[in-house]
Every structure is written in structure tokens, then in C-alpha cells.
Amino acid sequence: MTHVSVTVDDGHLAALDGVVQELRARGMQVDQVLDGLGIITGSVPHGTLGALTGVDGVVSVDEQRGFQLPPPESPVQ
């Protein structure tokens, strides 16, 4: 699964529930809806990001990146 953040345009904030339903219908597993920000987080199967960009009101779909620092005892800090 690929973790994503979906940004919704200001014009669709009042209809955010409808956008969430459409994202779910296209295969997104929704984890969190940040109403005031117009951001929806969750995950989708690999290779299906493009299906989310076609949802009415979606401005962008961004893959969430992760990183990990080396442990404190490692030689490189």
C-alpha cells in the first residue's frame, strides 16, 4: 500500500463527505479527514494514485515519504 495525502480545493470543503466517499469508491482506505485544512490521508494499492486525481474537487494527491535516522550509537550521525 502507498500512503497518500489528498488536498481538496476550497470550493469543495462544504461537500468534503462526498469527496471522501468518492475516494473510497476508487480504492482509497481513508485514515483521517482534516476538515479545516481540506486534507484527507490514507492509503491506496500501489499504482492506483492516478485514479484519485480524477475525483471532482481534488487538487493534488501526494505520496507520503518516510525517513529514519540512524541510531545514536551508529558511527554516522
PDB file of N, CA and C in Angstrom:
ATOM      1  N   MET A   1       0.849  -1.186   0.000  1.00  0.00           N
ATOM      2  CA  MET A   1       0.000   0.000   0.000  1.00  0.00           C
ATOM      3  C   MET A   1       0.889   1.241   0.000  1.00  0.00           C
ATOM      4  N   THR A   2       0.388   2.283  -0.636  1.00  0.00           N
ATOM      5  CA  THR A   2       1.075   3.566  -0.684  1.00  0.00           C
ATOM      6  C   THR A   2       0.297   4.564   0.168  1.00  0.00           C
ATOM      7  N   HIS A   3       0.980   5.213   1.106  1.00  0.00           N
ATOM      8  CA  HIS A   3       0.344   6.218   1.954  1.00  0.00           C
ATOM      9  C   HIS A   3       0.291   7.540   1.203  1.00  0.00           C
ATOM     10  N   VAL A   4      -0.891   8.187   1.228  1.00  0.00           N
ATOM     11  CA  VAL A   4      -1.091   9.417   0.458  1.00  0.00           C
ATOM     12  C   VAL A   4      -1.783  10.495   1.288  1.00  0.00           C
ATOM     13  N   SER A   5      -1.593  11.728   0.832  1.00  0.00           N
ATOM     14  CA  SER A   5      -2.334  12.883   1.338  1.00  0.00           C
ATOM     15  C   SER A   5      -3.046  13.502   0.146  1.00  0.00           C
ATOM     16  N   VAL A   6      -4.344  13.687   0.277  1.00  0.00           N
ATOM     17  CA  VAL A   6      -5.156  14.266  -0.791  1.00  0.00           C
ATOM     18  C   VAL A   6      -5.589  15.662  -0.354  1.00  0.00           C
ATOM     19  N   THR A   7      -5.349  16.654  -1.206  1.00  0.00           N
ATOM     20  CA  THR A   7      -5.753  18.030  -0.923  1.00  0.00           C
ATOM     21  C   THR A   7      -7.002  18.354  -1.729  1.00  0.00           C
ATOM     22  N   VAL A   8      -8.000  18.921  -1.057  1.00  0.00           N
ATOM     23  CA  VAL A   8      -9.279  19.268  -1.678  1.00  0.00           C
ATOM     24  C   VAL A   8      -9.345  20.782  -1.827  1.00  0.00           C
ATOM     25  N   ASP A   9      -9.887  21.248  -2.963  1.00  0.00           N
ATOM     26  CA  ASP A   9      -9.971  22.698  -3.184  1.00  0.00           C
ATOM     27  C   ASP A   9     -11.008  23.341  -2.268  1.00  0.00           C
ATOM     28  N   ASP A  10     -10.848  24.650  -2.062  1.00  0.00           N
ATOM     29  CA  ASP A  10     -11.719  25.386  -1.137  1.00  0.00           C
ATOM     30  C   ASP A  10     -13.194  25.302  -1.531  1.00  0.00           C
ATOM     31  N   GLY A  11     -13.475  25.215  -2.812  1.00  0.00           N
ATOM     32  CA  GLY A  11     -14.855  25.162  -3.275  1.00  0.00           C
ATOM     33  C   GLY A  11     -15.581  23.872  -2.914  1.00  0.00           C
ATOM     34  N   HIS A  12     -14.842  22.850  -2.542  1.00  0.00           N
ATOM     35  CA  HIS A  12     -15.456  21.568  -2.201  1.00  0.00           C
ATOM     36  C   HIS A  12     -15.377  21.229  -0.715  1.00  0.00           C
ATOM     37  N   LEU A  13     -14.923  22.176   0.103  1.00  0.00           N
ATOM     38  CA  LEU A  13     -14.824  21.903   1.540  1.00  0.00           C
ATOM     39  C   LEU A  13     -16.185  21.639   2.166  1.00  0.00           C
ATOM     40  N   ALA A  14     -17.220  22.313   1.683  1.00  0.00           N
ATOM     41  CA  ALA A  14     -18.566  22.101   2.221  1.00  0.00           C
ATOM     42  C   ALA A  14     -19.104  20.718   1.849  1.00  0.00           C
ATOM     43  N   ALA A  15     -18.569  20.136   0.769  1.00  0.00           N
ATOM     44  CA  ALA A  15     -19.009  18.813   0.310  1.00  0.00           C
ATOM     45  C   ALA A  15     -17.913  17.777   0.526  1.00  0.00           C
ATOM     46  N   LEU A  16     -17.127  17.934   1.577  1.00  0.00           N
ATOM     47  CA  LEU A  16     -15.978  17.064   1.833  1.00  0.00           C
ATOM     48  C   LEU A  16     -16.389  15.603   2.006  1.00  0.00           C
ATOM     49  N   ASP A  17     -17.548  15.366   2.607  1.00  0.00           N
ATOM     50  CA  ASP A  17     -18.010  13.985   2.793  1.00  0.00           C
ATOM     51  C   ASP A  17     -18.206  13.277   1.449  1.00  0.00           C
ATOM     52  N   GLY A  18     -18.694  13.999   0.474  1.00  0.00           N
ATOM     53  CA  GLY A  18     -18.874  13.432  -0.861  1.00  0.00           C
ATOM     54  C   GLY A  18     -17.548  13.094  -1.522  1.00  0.00           C
ATOM     55  N   VAL A  19     -16.559  13.951  -1.317  1.00  0.00           N
ATOM     56  CA  VAL A  19     -15.224  13.690  -1.863  1.00  0.00           C
ATOM     57  C   VAL A  19     -14.637  12.447  -1.204  1.00  0.00           C
ATOM     58  N   VAL A  20     -14.799  12.327   0.111  1.00  0.00           N
ATOM     59  CA  VAL A  20     -14.302  11.156   0.837  1.00  0.00           C
ATOM     60  C   VAL A  20     -14.970   9.884   0.309  1.00  0.00           C
ATOM     61  N   GLN A  21     -16.265   9.918   0.096  1.00  0.00           N
ATOM     62  CA  GLN A  21     -16.983   8.748  -0.421  1.00  0.00           C
ATOM     63  C   GLN A  21     -16.472   8.356  -1.802  1.00  0.00           C
ATOM     64  N   GLU A  22     -16.216   9.340  -2.655  1.00  0.00           N
ATOM     65  CA  GLU A  22     -15.713   9.058  -3.998  1.00  0.00           C
ATOM     66  C   GLU A  22     -14.301   8.481  -3.950  1.00  0.00           C
ATOM     67  N   LEU A  23     -13.461   8.983  -3.041  1.00  0.00           N
ATOM     68  CA  LEU A  23     -12.109   8.438  -2.887  1.00  0.00           C
ATOM     69  C   LEU A  23     -12.167   6.985  -2.429  1.00  0.00           C
ATOM     70  N   ARG A  24     -13.056   6.697  -1.503  1.00  0.00           N
ATOM     71  CA  ARG A  24     -13.228   5.312  -1.038  1.00  0.00           C
ATOM     72  C   ARG A  24     -13.709   4.415  -2.178  1.00  0.00           C
ATOM     73  N   ALA A  25     -14.607   4.923  -2.991  1.00  0.00           N
ATOM     74  CA  ALA A  25     -15.120   4.148  -4.118  1.00  0.00           C
ATOM     75  C   ALA A  25     -14.019   3.819  -5.127  1.00  0.00           C
ATOM     76  N   ARG A  26     -12.986   4.655  -5.157  1.00  0.00           N
ATOM     77  CA  ARG A  26     -11.863   4.421  -6.080  1.00  0.00           C
ATOM     78  C   ARG A  26     -10.714   3.660  -5.425  1.00  0.00           C
ATOM     79  N   GLY A  27     -10.956   3.122  -4.244  1.00  0.00           N
ATOM     80  CA  GLY A  27      -9.993   2.229  -3.625  1.00  0.00           C
ATOM     81  C   GLY A  27      -9.155   2.797  -2.504  1.00  0.00           C
ATOM     82  N   MET A  28      -9.397   4.034  -2.101  1.00  0.00           N
ATOM     83  CA  MET A  28      -8.598   4.614  -1.029  1.00  0.00           C
ATOM     84  C   MET A  28      -9.130   4.165   0.326  1.00  0.00           C
ATOM     85  N   GLN A  29      -8.222   3.757   1.192  1.00  0.00           N
ATOM     86  CA  GLN A  29      -8.561   3.454   2.581  1.00  0.00           C
ATOM     87  C   GLN A  29      -8.290   4.737   3.361  1.00  0.00           C
ATOM     88  N   VAL A  30      -9.334   5.433   3.781  1.00  0.00           N
ATOM     89  CA  VAL A  30      -9.214   6.731   4.437  1.00  0.00           C
ATOM     90  C   VAL A  30      -8.893   6.533   5.918  1.00  0.00           C
ATOM     91  N   ASP A  31      -7.805   7.184   6.353  1.00  0.00           N
ATOM     92  CA  ASP A  31      -7.408   7.110   7.758  1.00  0.00           C
ATOM     93  C   ASP A  31      -7.878   8.328   8.547  1.00  0.00           C
ATOM     94  N   GLN A  32      -7.755   9.510   7.933  1.00  0.00           N
ATOM     95  CA  GLN A  32      -8.065  10.746   8.662  1.00  0.00           C
ATOM     96  C   GLN A  32      -8.580  11.803   7.686  1.00  0.00           C
ATOM     97  N   VAL A  33      -9.570  12.575   8.146  1.00  0.00           N
ATOM     98  CA  VAL A  33     -10.107  13.699   7.377  1.00  0.00           C
ATOM     99  C   VAL A  33      -9.893  14.956   8.209  1.00  0.00           C
ATOM    100  N   LEU A  34      -9.085  15.869   7.687  1.00  0.00           N
ATOM    101  CA  LEU A  34      -8.809  17.135   8.364  1.00  0.00           C
ATOM    102  C   LEU A  34      -9.698  18.197   7.734  1.00  0.00           C
ATOM    103  N   ASP A  35     -10.908  18.331   8.280  1.00  0.00           N
ATOM    104  CA  ASP A  35     -11.940  19.197   7.701  1.00  0.00           C
ATOM    105  C   ASP A  35     -11.463  20.619   7.458  1.00  0.00           C
ATOM    106  N   GLY A  36     -10.889  21.244   8.468  1.00  0.00           N
ATOM    107  CA  GLY A  36     -10.496  22.647   8.361  1.00  0.00           C
ATOM    108  C   GLY A  36      -9.406  22.896   7.344  1.00  0.00           C
ATOM    109  N   LEU A  37      -8.594  21.898   7.076  1.00  0.00           N
ATOM    110  CA  LEU A  37      -7.486  22.052   6.129  1.00  0.00           C
ATOM    111  C   LEU A  37      -7.822  21.544   4.733  1.00  0.00           C
ATOM    112  N   GLY A  38      -8.853  20.730   4.632  1.00  0.00           N
ATOM    113  CA  GLY A  38      -9.195  20.153   3.339  1.00  0.00           C
ATOM    114  C   GLY A  38      -8.203  19.089   2.907  1.00  0.00           C
ATOM    115  N   ILE A  39      -7.695  18.320   3.872  1.00  0.00           N
ATOM    116  CA  ILE A  39      -6.732  17.271   3.583  1.00  0.00           C
ATOM    117  C   ILE A  39      -7.287  15.937   4.079  1.00  0.00           C
ATOM    118  N   ILE A  40      -7.120  14.916   3.251  1.00  0.00           N
ATOM    119  CA  ILE A  40      -7.571  13.567   3.574  1.00  0.00           C
ATOM    120  C   ILE A  40      -6.348  12.661   3.474  1.00  0.00           C
ATOM    121  N   THR A  41      -6.072  11.894   4.524  1.00  0.00           N
ATOM    122  CA  THR A  41      -4.934  10.993   4.500  1.00  0.00           C
ATOM    123  C   THR A  41      -5.416   9.552   4.492  1.00  0.00           C
ATOM    124  N   GLY A  42      -4.589   8.690   3.934  1.00  0.00           N
ATOM    125  CA  GLY A  42      -4.930   7.275   3.885  1.00  0.00           C
ATOM    126  C   GLY A  42      -3.945   6.521   3.026  1.00  0.00           C
ATOM    127  N   SER A  43      -4.390   5.404   2.478  1.00  0.00           N
ATOM    128  CA  SER A  43      -3.517   4.590   1.647  1.00  0.00           C
ATOM    129  C   SER A  43      -4.305   3.996   0.483  1.00  0.00           C
ATOM    130  N   VAL A  44      -3.548   3.695  -0.574  1.00  0.00           N
ATOM    131  CA  VAL A  44      -4.122   3.094  -1.778  1.00  0.00           C
ATOM    132  C   VAL A  44      -3.201   1.972  -2.240  1.00  0.00           C
ATOM    133  N   PRO A  45      -3.729   1.015  -2.986  1.00  0.00           N
ATOM    134  CA  PRO A  45      -2.854  -0.016  -3.547  1.00  0.00           C
ATOM    135  C   PRO A  45      -1.823   0.627  -4.482  1.00  0.00           C
ATOM    136  N   HIS A  46      -0.636   0.027  -4.543  1.00  0.00           N
ATOM    137  CA  HIS A  46       0.421   0.554  -5.403  1.00  0.00           C
ATOM    138  C   HIS A  46      -0.070   0.691  -6.845  1.00  0.00           C
ATOM    139  N   GLY A  47       0.284   1.797  -7.470  1.00  0.00           N
ATOM    140  CA  GLY A  47      -0.056   2.025  -8.866  1.00  0.00           C
ATOM    141  C   GLY A  47      -1.439   2.588  -9.116  1.00  0.00           C
ATOM    142  N   THR A  48      -2.167   3.001  -8.082  1.00  0.00           N
ATOM    143  CA  THR A  48      -3.532   3.500  -8.290  1.00  0.00           C
ATOM    144  C   THR A  48      -3.694   4.976  -7.930  1.00  0.00           C
ATOM    145  N   LEU A  49      -2.585   5.699  -7.782  1.00  0.00           N
ATOM    146  CA  LEU A  49      -2.680   7.125  -7.436  1.00  0.00           C
ATOM    147  C   LEU A  49      -3.463   7.906  -8.487  1.00  0.00           C
ATOM    148  N   GLY A  50      -3.280   7.574  -9.744  1.00  0.00           N
ATOM    149  CA  GLY A  50      -3.935   8.296 -10.828  1.00  0.00           C
ATOM    150  C   GLY A  50      -5.450   8.277 -10.747  1.00  0.00           C
ATOM    151  N   ALA A  51      -6.016   7.224 -10.193  1.00  0.00           N
ATOM    152  CA  ALA A  51      -7.475   7.124 -10.082  1.00  0.00           C
ATOM    153  C   ALA A  51      -8.031   8.189  -9.149  1.00  0.00           C
ATOM    154  N   LEU A  52      -7.235   8.633  -8.190  1.00  0.00           N
ATOM    155  CA  LEU A  52      -7.717   9.616  -7.222  1.00  0.00           C
ATOM    156  C   LEU A  52      -7.727  11.033  -7.785  1.00  0.00           C
ATOM    157  N   THR A  53      -6.847  11.322  -8.719  1.00  0.00           N
ATOM    158  CA  THR A  53      -6.765  12.680  -9.260  1.00  0.00           C
ATOM    159  C   THR A  53      -7.991  13.056 -10.082  1.00  0.00           C
ATOM    160  N   GLY A  54      -8.750  12.082 -10.525  1.00  0.00           N
ATOM    161  CA  GLY A  54      -9.944  12.361 -11.310  1.00  0.00           C
ATOM    162  C   GLY A  54     -11.174  12.690 -10.483  1.00  0.00           C
ATOM    163  N   VAL A  55     -11.065  12.631  -9.181  1.00  0.00           N
ATOM    164  CA  VAL A  55     -12.211  12.926  -8.306  1.00  0.00           C
ATOM    165  C   VAL A  55     -12.449  14.434  -8.303  1.00  0.00           C
ATOM    166  N   ASP A  56     -13.700  14.820  -8.501  1.00  0.00           N
ATOM    167  CA  ASP A  56     -14.068  16.235  -8.521  1.00  0.00           C
ATOM    168  C   ASP A  56     -13.737  16.887  -7.183  1.00  0.00           C
ATOM    169  N   GLY A  57     -12.968  17.970  -7.220  1.00  0.00           N
ATOM    170  CA  GLY A  57     -12.589  18.694  -6.015  1.00  0.00           C
ATOM    171  C   GLY A  57     -11.179  18.399  -5.534  1.00  0.00           C
ATOM    172  N   VAL A  58     -10.551  17.359  -6.065  1.00  0.00           N
ATOM    173  CA  VAL A  58      -9.191  17.004  -5.653  1.00  0.00           C
ATOM    174  C   VAL A  58      -8.193  17.888  -6.388  1.00  0.00           C
ATOM    175  N   VAL A  59      -7.367  18.594  -5.622  1.00  0.00           N
ATOM    176  CA  VAL A  59      -6.339  19.466  -6.197  1.00  0.00           C
ATOM    177  C   VAL A  59      -5.058  18.689  -6.426  1.00  0.00           C
ATOM    178  N   SER A  60      -4.663  17.876  -5.427  1.00  0.00           N
ATOM    179  CA  SER A  60      -3.429  17.105  -5.573  1.00  0.00           C
ATOM    180  C   SER A  60      -3.490  15.835  -4.740  1.00  0.00           C
ATOM    181  N   VAL A  61      -2.714  14.854  -5.196  1.00  0.00           N
ATOM    182  CA  VAL A  61      -2.533  13.601  -4.474  1.00  0.00           C
ATOM    183  C   VAL A  61      -1.031  13.426  -4.321  1.00  0.00           C
ATOM    184  N   ASP A  62      -0.579  13.423  -3.081  1.00  0.00           N
ATOM    185  CA  ASP A  62       0.854  13.355  -2.806  1.00  0.00           C
ATOM    186  C   ASP A  62       1.193  12.110  -2.010  1.00  0.00           C
ATOM    187  N   GLU A  63       2.201  11.391  -2.485  1.00  0.00           N
ATOM    188  CA  GLU A  63       2.675  10.215  -1.768  1.00  0.00           C
ATOM    189  C   GLU A  63       3.440  10.669  -0.529  1.00  0.00           C
ATOM    190  N   GLN A  64       3.137  10.075   0.594  1.00  0.00           N
ATOM    191  CA  GLN A  64       3.822  10.423   1.836  1.00  0.00           C
ATOM    192  C   GLN A  64       5.152   9.686   1.876  1.00  0.00           C
ATOM    193  N   ARG A  65       6.200  10.426   2.148  1.00  0.00           N
ATOM    194  CA  ARG A  65       7.550   9.856   2.220  1.00  0.00           C
ATOM    195  C   ARG A  65       7.952   9.705   3.682  1.00  0.00           C
ATOM    196  N   GLY A  66       8.708   8.696   3.958  1.00  0.00           N
ATOM    197  CA  GLY A  66       9.188   8.476   5.312  1.00  0.00           C
ATOM    198  C   GLY A  66      10.700   8.459   5.339  1.00  0.00           C
ATOM    199  N   PHE A  67      11.253   8.640   6.491  1.00  0.00           N
ATOM    200  CA  PHE A  67      12.700   8.555   6.659  1.00  0.00           C
ATOM    201  C   PHE A  67      12.989   8.081   8.081  1.00  0.00           C
ATOM    202  N   GLN A  68      14.191   7.579   8.260  1.00  0.00           N
ATOM    203  CA  GLN A  68      14.582   7.109   9.581  1.00  0.00           C
ATOM    204  C   GLN A  68      16.032   7.505   9.805  1.00  0.00           C
ATOM    205  N   LEU A  69      16.280   8.117  10.933  1.00  0.00           N
ATOM    206  CA  LEU A  69      17.635   8.486  11.305  1.00  0.00           C
ATOM    207  C   LEU A  69      18.368   7.256  11.843  1.00  0.00           C
ATOM    208  N   PRO A  70      19.688   7.231  11.693  1.00  0.00           N
ATOM    209  CA  PRO A  70      20.430   6.114  12.271  1.00  0.00           C
ATOM    210  C   PRO A  70      20.377   6.180  13.796  1.00  0.00           C
ATOM    211  N   PRO A  71      20.553   5.042  14.456  1.00  0.00           N
ATOM    212  CA  PRO A  71      20.513   5.044  15.916  1.00  0.00           C
ATOM    213  C   PRO A  71      21.661   5.884  16.493  1.00  0.00           C
ATOM    214  N   PRO A  72      21.517   6.378  17.715  1.00  0.00           N
ATOM    215  CA  PRO A  72      22.533   7.247  18.318  1.00  0.00           C
ATOM    216  C   PRO A  72      23.926   6.621  18.396  1.00  0.00           C
ATOM    217  N   GLU A  73      23.989   5.303  18.517  1.00  0.00           N
ATOM    218  CA  GLU A  73      25.293   4.671  18.636  1.00  0.00           C
ATOM    219  C   GLU A  73      25.971   4.388  17.286  1.00  0.00           C
ATOM    220  N   SER A  74      25.315   4.722  16.182  1.00  0.00           N
ATOM    221  CA  SER A  74      25.932   4.471  14.873  1.00  0.00           C
ATOM    222  C   SER A  74      27.046   5.471  14.612  1.00  0.00           C
ATOM    223  N   PRO A  75      28.042   5.101  13.792  1.00  0.00           N
ATOM    224  CA  PRO A  75      29.186   5.982  13.542  1.00  0.00           C
ATOM    225  C   PRO A  75      28.822   7.222  12.705  1.00  0.00           C
ATOM    226  N   VAL A  76      27.751   7.159  11.939  1.00  0.00           N
ATOM    227  CA  VAL A  76      27.340   8.295  11.116  1.00  0.00           C
ATOM    228  C   VAL A  76      26.119   8.941  11.742  1.00  0.00           C
ATOM    229  N   GLN A  77      26.186  10.230  11.988  1.00  0.00           N
ATOM    230  CA  GLN A  77      25.059  10.942  12.579  1.00  0.00           C
ATOM    231  C   GLN A  77      24.552  12.005  11.654  1.00  0.00           C
TER     232      GLN A  77
END
